[in-house]
Protein backbone atom coordinates (compact mmCIF):
# COMPACT_ATOMS: atom_id res chain seq x y z
CA MET A 1 10.69 -14.12 -22.84
CA LYS A 2 8.87 -11.47 -22.48
CA GLY A 3 10.73 -9.48 -20.24
CA THR A 4 12.83 -9.20 -17.62
CA VAL A 5 11.28 -8.48 -13.88
CA LEU A 6 13.32 -7.44 -10.67
CA VAL A 7 11.85 -8.81 -7.70
CA ALA A 8 12.79 -7.38 -4.33
CA ASP A 9 11.67 -8.70 -1.02
CA ASP A 10 13.26 -10.22 2.45
CA ASP A 11 11.04 -12.92 2.58
CA ALA A 12 12.58 -15.92 0.88
CA ALA A 13 8.36 -17.54 0.58
CA ILE A 14 7.14 -14.35 -1.27
CA ARG A 15 10.82 -14.11 -3.49
CA THR A 16 9.69 -17.76 -4.62
CA VAL A 17 6.23 -17.76 -5.37
CA VAL A 18 6.85 -14.51 -7.22
CA SER A 19 9.35 -15.97 -9.55
CA GLN A 20 7.73 -19.40 -10.05
CA ALA A 21 4.43 -17.32 -10.69
CA LEU A 22 6.06 -15.20 -13.49
CA SER A 23 8.33 -17.27 -14.52
CA ARG A 24 5.85 -19.78 -15.50
CA ALA A 25 4.04 -16.83 -17.08
CA GLY A 26 6.91 -16.43 -20.02
CA TYR A 27 9.14 -13.31 -17.75
CA ASP A 28 13.12 -13.89 -17.13
CA VAL A 29 12.91 -12.85 -13.13
CA ARG A 30 15.47 -11.74 -11.33
CA VAL A 31 15.17 -12.37 -6.98
CA THR A 32 17.05 -9.87 -4.16
CA SER A 33 16.45 -10.04 -0.73
CA ASN A 34 17.51 -6.38 -0.02
CA ALA A 35 16.99 -3.11 -1.92
CA SER A 36 21.02 -2.10 -2.73
CA THR A 37 21.15 -5.16 -5.01
CA LEU A 38 17.41 -3.97 -6.76
CA TRP A 39 18.96 -0.65 -7.16
CA ARG A 40 22.91 -1.83 -7.98
CA TRP A 41 20.50 -3.26 -11.32
CA VAL A 42 18.97 -0.63 -11.80
CA THR A 43 21.66 1.79 -11.71
CA ALA A 44 23.09 -0.85 -14.55
CA GLY A 45 19.53 -0.55 -16.78
CA GLU A 46 18.82 -3.87 -16.17
CA GLY A 47 15.14 -5.06 -16.14
CA ASP A 48 11.77 -3.94 -17.85
CA VAL A 49 9.47 -3.70 -14.42
CA VAL A 50 10.03 -3.99 -10.64
CA VAL A 51 8.03 -6.01 -8.02
CA SER A 52 9.48 -4.80 -4.94
CA ASP A 53 8.19 -4.67 -0.90
CA VAL A 54 8.45 -1.57 0.68
CA VAL A 55 10.37 -2.54 4.27
CA MET A 56 13.96 -4.72 3.58
CA PRO A 57 17.28 -4.64 5.95
CA ASP A 58 18.87 -1.78 4.28
CA ASP A 59 16.50 0.53 2.89
CA ASN A 60 12.69 1.77 1.96
CA LEU A 61 11.18 1.57 -1.19
CA PHE A 62 9.58 4.97 -1.01
CA ASP A 63 12.78 6.71 -0.30
CA LEU A 64 14.52 4.59 -3.60
CA LEU A 65 12.00 5.45 -5.34
CA PRO A 66 12.18 8.78 -6.36
CA ARG A 67 16.31 7.73 -7.08
CA ILE A 68 14.48 5.33 -9.67
CA ARG A 69 12.48 7.87 -11.10
CA LYS A 70 15.20 10.18 -11.90
CA ILE A 71 17.46 7.84 -13.18
CA ARG A 72 14.67 5.77 -15.48
CA PRO A 73 11.50 7.35 -15.29
CA GLU A 74 10.18 5.18 -17.57
CA LEU A 75 10.41 1.70 -15.78
CA PRO A 76 7.49 0.71 -13.85
CA VAL A 77 7.90 -0.02 -10.43
CA ILE A 78 5.05 -2.03 -8.73
CA VAL A 79 5.18 -1.87 -4.85
CA MET A 80 3.54 -5.05 -2.68
CA SER A 81 3.39 -4.35 0.95
CA ALA A 82 1.79 -5.83 4.16
CA GLN A 83 1.32 -2.07 5.59
CA ASN A 84 -2.11 -2.27 4.19
CA THR A 85 -3.33 0.81 4.93
CA PHE A 86 -4.71 3.88 2.89
CA MET A 87 -1.29 5.94 3.23
CA THR A 88 0.41 3.50 2.11
CA ALA A 89 -1.55 3.20 -1.40
CA ILE A 90 -1.66 6.79 -1.02
CA ARG A 91 2.30 7.21 -0.82
CA ALA A 92 3.09 4.50 -3.81
CA SER A 93 0.94 6.98 -5.87
CA GLU A 94 2.67 9.81 -4.61
CA LYS A 95 6.19 8.10 -5.09
CA GLY A 96 5.10 7.34 -8.73
CA ALA A 97 4.62 3.16 -8.23
CA TYR A 98 2.95 2.05 -11.70
CA GLU A 99 0.89 -0.28 -8.96
CA TYR A 100 0.33 -0.97 -5.43
CA LEU A 101 -0.25 -4.39 -4.28
CA PRO A 102 -1.71 -5.17 -0.55
CA LYS A 103 -0.72 -8.39 0.43
CA PRO A 104 -1.91 -11.38 0.29
CA PHE A 105 -2.85 -10.85 -3.42
CA ASP A 106 -3.57 -12.90 -6.22
CA LEU A 107 -0.68 -13.46 -8.21
CA VAL A 108 -2.51 -14.00 -11.51
CA GLU A 109 -3.36 -10.59 -10.80
CA LEU A 110 0.20 -9.69 -10.20
CA THR A 111 0.69 -11.45 -13.53
CA GLY A 112 -1.35 -9.43 -15.35
CA ILE A 113 -0.47 -6.23 -14.17
CA VAL A 114 3.15 -6.80 -14.72
CA GLY A 115 1.78 -7.61 -18.07
CA ARG A 116 0.21 -4.34 -18.50
CA ALA A 117 3.01 -2.51 -16.99
CA LEU A 118 5.61 -3.94 -20.07
CA SER A 119 3.15 -3.26 -22.60
CA GLU A 120 2.30 0.54 -21.53
CA SER A 121 4.91 3.19 -21.80
CA ARG A 122 5.63 5.12 -18.61
CA ARG A 123 4.89 8.84 -18.71
CA LYS A 124 7.81 10.93 -18.70
CA GLY A 125 8.24 13.44 -15.97
CA ASP A 126 7.37 13.65 -12.57
CA GLU A 127 3.18 15.12 -12.85
CA GLY A 128 2.25 11.92 -10.66
CA GLN A 129 3.67 13.58 -7.44
CA SER A 130 2.14 15.92 -4.85
CA ALA A 131 3.29 18.01 -1.69
CA ILE A 132 1.53 15.40 0.32
CA ALA A 133 3.40 14.78 3.48
CA PRO A 134 2.47 11.35 4.98
CA LYS A 135 0.24 11.44 7.92
CA GLU A 136 0.80 9.19 11.23
CA HIS A 137 -2.26 5.97 11.73
CA GLU A 138 -4.26 8.58 14.23
CA GLY A 139 -4.81 11.11 10.99
CA MET A 140 -6.05 9.08 8.02
CA PRO A 141 -8.83 9.65 6.86
CA LEU A 142 -9.79 6.12 6.60
CA VAL A 143 -8.84 2.78 8.74
CA GLY A 144 -8.96 -0.80 7.92
CA ARG A 145 -6.26 -3.20 6.49
CA SER A 146 -9.25 -5.72 5.15
CA ALA A 147 -9.00 -6.55 1.28
CA ALA A 148 -12.20 -5.08 0.93
CA MET A 149 -10.90 -1.66 2.60
CA GLN A 150 -7.62 -2.51 0.00
CA ASP A 151 -9.82 -2.39 -2.98
CA ILE A 152 -10.92 1.01 -1.78
CA TYR A 153 -7.28 2.45 -0.93
CA ARG A 154 -6.30 1.01 -4.66
CA VAL A 155 -9.23 3.28 -6.38
CA LEU A 156 -8.51 6.70 -4.23
CA ALA A 157 -5.01 6.45 -5.19
CA ARG A 158 -5.77 6.31 -9.01
CA MET A 159 -7.95 9.25 -8.62
CA MET A 160 -6.38 11.28 -6.37
CA GLN A 161 -4.78 13.54 -9.78
CA SER A 162 -7.98 12.93 -11.66
CA ASP A 163 -10.94 15.56 -11.93
CA LEU A 164 -13.27 12.67 -13.14
CA THR A 165 -17.44 12.57 -11.19
CA VAL A 166 -17.14 9.46 -8.69
CA LEU A 167 -20.39 7.87 -7.13
CA ILE A 168 -20.05 6.09 -4.18
CA ASN A 169 -22.59 3.61 -3.13
CA GLY A 170 -23.09 2.11 0.17
CA GLU A 171 -24.82 1.87 3.09
CA SER A 172 -25.58 4.67 5.78
CA GLY A 173 -22.48 5.21 7.86
CA THR A 174 -19.76 3.14 5.65
CA GLY A 175 -18.12 6.58 5.46
CA LYS A 176 -18.83 7.64 1.66
CA GLU A 177 -18.29 11.06 3.10
CA LEU A 178 -15.13 10.51 4.68
CA VAL A 179 -13.91 8.88 0.93
CA ALA A 180 -15.03 12.68 -0.87
CA ARG A 181 -13.09 14.18 1.81
CA ALA A 182 -10.23 11.99 0.94
CA LEU A 183 -10.51 12.70 -2.71
CA HIS A 184 -10.47 16.40 -2.40
CA GLU A 185 -7.73 16.58 0.63
CA TYR A 186 -5.14 13.99 -1.30
CA GLY A 187 -6.13 15.61 -4.96
CA LYS A 188 -4.95 18.17 -7.05
CA ARG A 189 -8.09 20.21 -5.65
CA LYS A 190 -6.89 19.83 -2.15
CA ASN A 191 -6.19 23.88 -2.02
CA GLY A 192 -9.81 24.87 -3.08
CA PRO A 193 -12.69 24.38 -1.00
CA PHE A 194 -14.52 21.11 -0.12
CA VAL A 195 -17.93 22.19 0.38
CA ALA A 196 -21.03 19.18 1.14
CA ILE A 197 -24.88 18.81 0.54
CA ASN A 198 -26.97 16.54 1.76
CA MET A 199 -30.18 16.15 -0.53
CA ALA A 200 -31.65 14.23 2.00
CA ALA A 201 -31.82 17.16 4.62
CA ILE A 202 -33.37 19.73 2.54
CA PRO A 203 -36.53 20.64 1.77
CA ARG A 204 -37.08 19.87 -2.05
CA ASP A 205 -38.63 22.76 -3.21
CA LEU A 206 -35.04 24.53 -1.88
CA ILE A 207 -32.63 22.34 -3.34
CA GLU A 208 -32.18 24.08 -6.34
CA SER A 209 -32.09 27.61 -4.83
CA GLU A 210 -29.20 26.21 -2.23
CA LEU A 211 -27.50 24.24 -5.22
CA PHE A 212 -27.13 27.07 -7.47
CA GLY A 213 -28.36 30.18 -5.35
CA HIS A 214 -31.00 32.61 -6.23
CA GLU A 215 -31.45 36.57 -7.47
CA LYS A 216 -33.22 38.81 -5.47
CA GLY A 217 -36.54 38.68 -6.01
CA ALA A 218 -36.32 35.22 -7.23
CA PHE A 219 -39.56 34.13 -5.09
CA THR A 220 -40.95 34.76 -2.21
CA GLY A 221 -38.81 35.69 1.03
CA ALA A 222 -35.81 36.31 -1.40
CA GLN A 223 -35.07 39.58 -0.03
CA ALA A 224 -31.12 39.12 -1.61
CA ARG A 225 -28.64 37.80 -3.94
CA SER A 226 -27.56 34.36 -2.69
CA THR A 227 -24.66 32.10 -3.40
CA GLY A 228 -24.97 28.38 -3.97
CA ARG A 229 -23.30 25.32 -3.00
CA PHE A 230 -21.53 25.59 -6.75
CA GLU A 231 -20.65 29.13 -6.49
CA GLN A 232 -19.29 28.12 -2.81
CA ALA A 233 -16.87 25.08 -4.33
CA GLU A 234 -15.43 27.03 -6.96
CA ASN A 235 -11.83 25.52 -8.21
CA GLY A 236 -12.75 22.62 -5.56
CA THR A 237 -15.01 19.21 -4.85
CA LEU A 238 -18.82 19.74 -4.55
CA PHE A 239 -20.12 16.31 -2.45
CA LEU A 240 -23.90 15.83 -3.32
CA ASP A 241 -24.85 13.22 -0.64
CA GLU A 242 -27.55 11.06 -1.06
CA ILE A 243 -28.06 12.27 -4.74
CA GLY A 244 -30.93 9.49 -5.11
CA ASP A 245 -33.34 11.64 -3.19
CA MET A 246 -33.11 15.04 -5.59
CA PRO A 247 -36.14 16.03 -7.13
CA MET A 248 -36.57 15.70 -11.24
CA ASP A 249 -36.47 19.23 -11.73
CA ALA A 250 -32.72 19.54 -10.04
CA GLN A 251 -31.69 16.40 -11.23
CA THR A 252 -32.66 18.32 -15.15
CA ARG A 253 -30.44 21.24 -13.86
CA LEU A 254 -27.59 19.24 -12.78
CA LEU A 255 -27.54 17.50 -15.92
CA ARG A 256 -26.65 20.81 -17.36
CA VAL A 257 -24.14 21.66 -15.39
CA LEU A 258 -22.29 18.39 -16.15
CA GLN A 259 -22.64 18.71 -19.91
CA GLN A 260 -21.79 21.76 -20.58
CA GLY A 261 -20.30 23.25 -17.02
CA GLU A 262 -22.21 26.06 -16.22
CA TYR A 263 -25.77 27.14 -14.64
CA MET A 264 -28.03 29.61 -14.07
CA THR A 265 -28.97 30.77 -10.36
CA VAL A 266 -32.69 30.13 -9.98
CA GLY A 267 -34.12 33.98 -11.24
CA GLY A 268 -31.06 34.46 -13.21
CA ARG A 269 -30.94 34.94 -16.99
CA THR A 270 -27.06 34.91 -17.24
CA PRO A 271 -24.84 31.70 -17.66
CA ILE A 272 -22.35 31.07 -14.96
CA LYS A 273 -18.97 29.05 -15.60
CA THR A 274 -17.60 26.51 -13.10
CA ASN A 275 -15.22 24.68 -12.58
CA VAL A 276 -15.68 21.94 -9.64
CA ARG A 277 -15.34 18.15 -9.09
CA ILE A 278 -18.39 16.24 -8.69
CA VAL A 279 -18.37 13.69 -6.06
CA ALA A 280 -21.83 12.21 -5.52
CA ALA A 281 -22.95 9.20 -2.94
CA THR A 282 -26.25 7.17 -2.14
CA ASN A 283 -27.36 4.32 0.24
CA LYS A 284 -29.97 3.58 -2.39
CA ASP A 285 -30.05 1.53 -5.85
CA LEU A 286 -30.19 3.97 -8.20
CA ARG A 287 -31.34 1.83 -11.32
CA ALA A 288 -34.05 0.67 -8.93
CA LEU A 289 -35.12 4.40 -9.05
CA ILE A 290 -34.58 4.87 -12.63
CA ASN A 291 -36.90 2.28 -13.65
CA GLN A 292 -39.80 3.90 -10.90
CA GLY A 293 -39.11 6.68 -13.03
CA LEU A 294 -37.48 8.67 -10.10
CA PHE A 295 -34.29 9.07 -11.10
CA ARG A 296 -32.66 10.69 -14.72
CA GLU A 297 -30.73 7.42 -16.63
CA ASP A 298 -28.79 10.29 -18.48
CA LEU A 299 -27.43 12.10 -15.29
CA TYR A 300 -26.93 8.74 -13.69
CA TYR A 301 -24.40 7.74 -16.63
CA ARG A 302 -22.51 11.12 -15.99
CA LEU A 303 -22.41 10.53 -12.39
CA ASN A 304 -21.20 6.95 -12.73
CA VAL A 305 -17.95 7.64 -14.86
CA VAL A 306 -16.09 5.90 -11.43
CA PRO A 307 -18.20 3.88 -9.34
CA LEU A 308 -16.92 2.69 -5.49
CA ARG A 309 -18.83 0.65 -3.36
CA MET A 310 -18.21 1.70 0.13
CA PRO A 311 -18.39 -2.01 1.62
CA PRO A 312 -20.67 -2.02 5.35
CA LEU A 313 -19.01 -3.02 8.26
CA ARG A 314 -19.92 -6.44 8.37
CA GLU A 315 -18.21 -7.09 5.43
CA ARG A 316 -14.79 -6.24 6.56
CA LEU A 317 -15.21 -7.72 10.28
CA GLU A 318 -11.01 -7.87 10.18
CA ASP A 319 -11.01 -4.10 10.49
CA ILE A 320 -12.58 -4.23 13.79
CA GLY A 321 -9.88 -4.11 15.90
CA ASP A 322 -7.90 -0.84 13.86
CA LEU A 323 -11.04 0.68 13.96
CA VAL A 324 -11.68 0.49 17.64
CA GLN A 325 -7.99 1.25 18.54
CA HIS A 326 -8.57 4.59 16.56
CA PHE A 327 -11.95 5.58 17.73
CA LEU A 328 -10.48 4.97 21.07
CA ALA A 329 -7.07 8.01 20.37
CA LYS A 330 -9.94 10.27 19.03
CA VAL A 331 -12.20 10.60 22.16
CA GLN A 332 -8.97 10.54 24.06
CA GLU A 333 -8.12 13.66 22.45
CA GLU A 334 -11.27 14.67 22.70
CA GLY A 335 -10.70 14.99 26.27
CA LEU A 336 -12.62 12.02 27.39
CA GLU A 337 -10.10 9.10 29.95
CA ALA A 338 -8.07 6.66 27.75
CA LYS A 339 -9.77 3.09 28.16
CA ARG A 340 -7.91 -0.30 27.14
CA ILE A 341 -10.44 -3.17 25.44
CA LEU A 342 -9.84 -6.73 26.00
CA PRO A 343 -9.55 -9.23 22.91
CA GLU A 344 -13.08 -10.84 24.24
CA ALA A 345 -14.55 -7.15 24.23
CA LEU A 346 -13.39 -7.09 19.92
CA GLN A 347 -14.42 -11.05 19.65
CA LEU A 348 -18.11 -10.12 20.75
CA MET A 349 -18.04 -7.27 18.49
CA SER A 350 -16.40 -9.18 15.61
CA ARG A 351 -19.91 -11.48 16.00
CA TYR A 352 -22.19 -8.56 15.35
CA HIS A 353 -23.95 -7.44 12.42
CA TRP A 354 -23.44 -3.40 12.46
CA PRO A 355 -26.51 -2.10 10.68
CA GLY A 356 -25.78 0.86 11.78
CA ASN A 357 -21.92 0.34 10.14
CA VAL A 358 -18.64 2.43 11.39
CA ARG A 359 -20.85 5.06 12.42
CA GLU A 360 -22.56 2.88 14.90
CA LEU A 361 -19.47 1.12 16.23
CA GLU A 362 -17.99 4.66 16.79
CA ASN A 363 -20.68 5.97 18.68
CA LEU A 364 -20.73 3.03 20.87
CA ILE A 365 -17.07 3.36 21.50
CA ARG A 366 -17.98 6.97 22.32
CA ARG A 367 -20.77 5.41 24.77
CA LEU A 368 -18.22 2.66 26.50
CA SER A 369 -15.42 5.83 26.96
CA ALA A 370 -18.31 8.56 28.09
CA LEU A 371 -20.48 6.31 30.41
CA TYR A 372 -18.20 3.76 32.15
CA PRO A 373 -15.43 4.47 34.46
CA GLN A 374 -13.75 1.22 33.89
CA GLU A 375 -10.39 1.47 32.31
CA GLU A 376 -10.89 -1.63 30.60
CA ILE A 377 -13.74 -2.69 28.14
CA THR A 378 -14.78 -5.80 29.00
CA PRO A 379 -16.98 -8.29 27.09
CA GLU A 380 -19.70 -7.72 29.65
CA ILE A 381 -19.97 -4.14 29.06
CA VAL A 382 -20.10 -4.62 25.29
CA ALA A 383 -22.82 -7.11 25.39
CA ALA A 384 -24.67 -4.72 27.56
CA GLU A 385 -24.53 -1.79 25.01
CA LEU A 386 -25.52 -4.08 22.57
CA ASP A 387 -28.39 -4.74 24.18
CA ALA A 388 -28.35 -8.22 25.37
CA GLY A 389 -31.26 -10.43 27.18
CA GLU A 390 -32.41 -10.45 30.75
CA GLY A 391 -28.82 -11.77 32.57
CA GLY A 392 -26.79 -11.19 29.42
CA GLU A 393 -27.61 -15.24 28.37
CA HIS A 394 -29.01 -14.46 25.34
CA PRO A 395 -26.54 -12.88 22.31
CA PRO A 396 -26.78 -9.22 21.62
CA THR A 397 -29.53 -8.65 18.71
CA GLY A 398 -27.77 -9.11 15.55
CA LEU A 399 -25.40 -11.81 17.21
CA LEU A 400 -24.41 -14.13 14.78
CA ASN A 401 -23.14 -18.11 16.37
CA GLY A 402 -23.76 -21.39 16.10
CA ASP A 403 -26.73 -20.99 18.60
CA VAL A 404 -28.55 -18.44 15.68
CA THR A 405 -29.59 -20.58 12.19
CA ILE A 406 -29.24 -18.40 9.13
CA SER A 407 -32.93 -18.26 8.67
CA GLN A 408 -33.46 -16.60 12.03
CA ALA A 409 -30.52 -14.09 11.02
CA VAL A 410 -31.85 -13.25 7.56
CA GLU A 411 -35.54 -12.70 9.43
CA HIS A 412 -34.22 -10.84 11.76
CA ASN A 413 -32.41 -8.38 9.44
CA MET A 414 -35.59 -8.60 7.08
CA GLN A 415 -37.38 -6.97 9.45
CA ASP A 416 -34.93 -4.26 10.42
CA TYR A 417 -34.99 -3.23 6.60
CA PHE A 418 -38.57 -3.11 6.31
CA ARG A 419 -38.54 -0.98 9.65
CA SER A 420 -36.09 0.92 7.72
CA PHE A 421 -38.66 2.41 5.38
CA GLY A 422 -41.58 3.32 7.80
CA ASP A 423 -44.99 3.53 6.78
CA GLY A 424 -43.53 2.75 3.32
CA LEU A 425 -42.11 -0.35 0.94
CA PRO A 426 -39.02 -0.97 -0.45
CA PRO A 427 -38.42 -0.48 -3.90
CA PRO A 428 -39.43 -3.42 -6.62
CA GLY A 429 -37.34 -5.97 -6.95
CA LEU A 430 -36.57 -7.37 -3.41
CA TYR A 431 -36.54 -10.91 -3.91
CA GLN A 432 -33.52 -10.40 -6.54
CA ARG A 433 -31.56 -8.08 -4.44
CA VAL A 434 -31.68 -9.93 -1.48
CA LEU A 435 -30.30 -13.38 -3.20
CA ALA A 436 -28.03 -11.22 -4.71
CA GLU A 437 -26.61 -9.94 -1.58
CA LEU A 438 -26.60 -13.03 0.39
CA GLU A 439 -24.65 -15.08 -2.57
CA GLN A 440 -21.42 -12.46 -2.46
CA PRO A 441 -20.70 -12.74 1.40
CA LEU A 442 -21.76 -16.55 1.48
CA ILE A 443 -18.91 -17.37 -1.68
CA LEU A 444 -16.65 -14.56 0.61
CA ALA A 445 -17.28 -16.49 3.53
CA THR A 446 -16.12 -19.67 2.25
CA LEU A 447 -13.13 -18.90 0.32
CA ALA A 448 -11.88 -17.18 3.06
CA ALA A 449 -12.35 -20.69 5.23
CA THR A 450 -10.47 -22.57 2.36
CA ARG A 451 -7.46 -19.44 1.76
CA GLY A 452 -8.69 -19.02 -1.18
CA ASN A 453 -8.55 -22.55 -2.68
CA GLN A 454 -11.73 -22.45 -5.19
CA ILE A 455 -11.93 -26.10 -5.61
CA ARG A 456 -12.56 -27.13 -1.67
CA ALA A 457 -14.71 -23.99 -1.45
CA ALA A 458 -17.04 -25.54 -4.48
CA GLU A 459 -17.08 -28.59 -2.86
CA VAL A 460 -18.63 -26.71 0.51
CA LEU A 461 -20.97 -24.81 -1.68
CA GLY A 462 -22.35 -27.56 -3.72
CA LEU A 463 -21.32 -25.64 -7.04
CA ASN A 464 -19.64 -27.09 -9.96
CA ARG A 465 -16.24 -25.22 -10.49
CA ASN A 466 -16.96 -23.04 -13.10
CA THR A 467 -19.88 -22.06 -11.88
CA LEU A 468 -18.19 -20.63 -9.00
CA ARG A 469 -15.62 -19.08 -11.12
CA LYS A 470 -18.29 -17.16 -12.72
CA LYS A 471 -20.05 -15.85 -9.55
CA ILE A 472 -16.68 -14.54 -8.44
CA LYS A 473 -16.48 -12.69 -11.60
CA GLU A 474 -20.13 -11.67 -11.65
CA HIS A 475 -19.29 -10.48 -7.40
CA GLY A 476 -15.91 -8.36 -8.12
CA ILE A 477 -14.86 -10.79 -5.39
CA SER A 478 -11.15 -10.62 -4.82
CA VAL A 479 -9.29 -14.13 -4.64
CA PHE A 480 -6.13 -15.21 -3.10
CA LYS A 481 -3.89 -17.78 -4.20
CA GLY A 482 -0.63 -19.47 -3.49
CA SER A 483 1.41 -18.47 -0.31
CA VAL A 484 1.49 -14.80 -1.14
């Protein structure tokens, strides 16, 4: 046997499938439905790794974890939970869990994590702990229980106690700044300042001054010394939004900061040491900009230490219910009347393609709360606000149903995409980018419809199973298997 795994979950089906999967992988498995038995095994020195649910009939794993860490700090504990929120991932990290797995999860992934846990020596002490008090759902910086958001939560939980540079990529309105703020507010720099700067909102000739500050007389109009964002963010986090719009000269100076940890003000002659964590974000394809000579490749690699992709709302439509309730509570706190949304209205929202992403959804909820006196938000109201045709006979623009062909939906979205460039054109390579972006949601939707059955999914798609597996790996798609 490779080692002994202690499995605790009050769901008999989950205990069975997890036990079978780990046993097939060569592990000795012991299962229990309660925390007291798990605690007895741990105190007796049994087990090499723990796989446990959070909520059990007699105790909560988050209450038990500190006690486990105290008597057996080397014992890896893998947390699995159906309470798939951002705070669950954060609390698992705070309490010293080795890994957090949201339900449902991939049994192959679980087996791999158990293997890594057994092969790595657990770090001593409580350095992974923090003094963050758990917040209620309404105060969460990020909302959603979809598989796409679970991946985000897990990466964020790992990054909280790190100073690694993070590059967030995603469309406008997906919540990139919220992620940057979460990294700061739940990390070890939370007592320092969080400073944000949007490269697209500042005149290009002023960006260097905004970032690094300037000395008196450095240029016309510089009548006094001015501090830059790096100085303002000292000992904290600097969020560089829309980094793809940064001019080349400023890119060169930023690269120096990342390489040497120092900068000079505009017009200054003395290097200034800096202690700032960098989090950058963009809605552009930086590799395409590199090919066009508009972005430095060496800067890209310095920024892309930890890449993080924020999914568009159309890839996490199952989160719309949670997001709507979150925004309704938020606008009520701001003084607007309480509203209740009908299930049919939520269903209508789930058929919309949301080109403005979460920001568009939040603005819609604000509009519905402010403009309509009705206590209930009905599908008719939602359809009207999403721009239904005359008399409401046609689906709102961007709504997908059986009456809209795939080619029509693609054509509509591509028209919106080209309009977003105004008088300009998108960067080269559009054909391959569109094909790649169509392929991923197509595979995701088919896997969801077949409940993760790759054989069935391959049949529906008309692909060889090995080809499907290759594409799943290429797109980094999480596949859910078994009953878990």
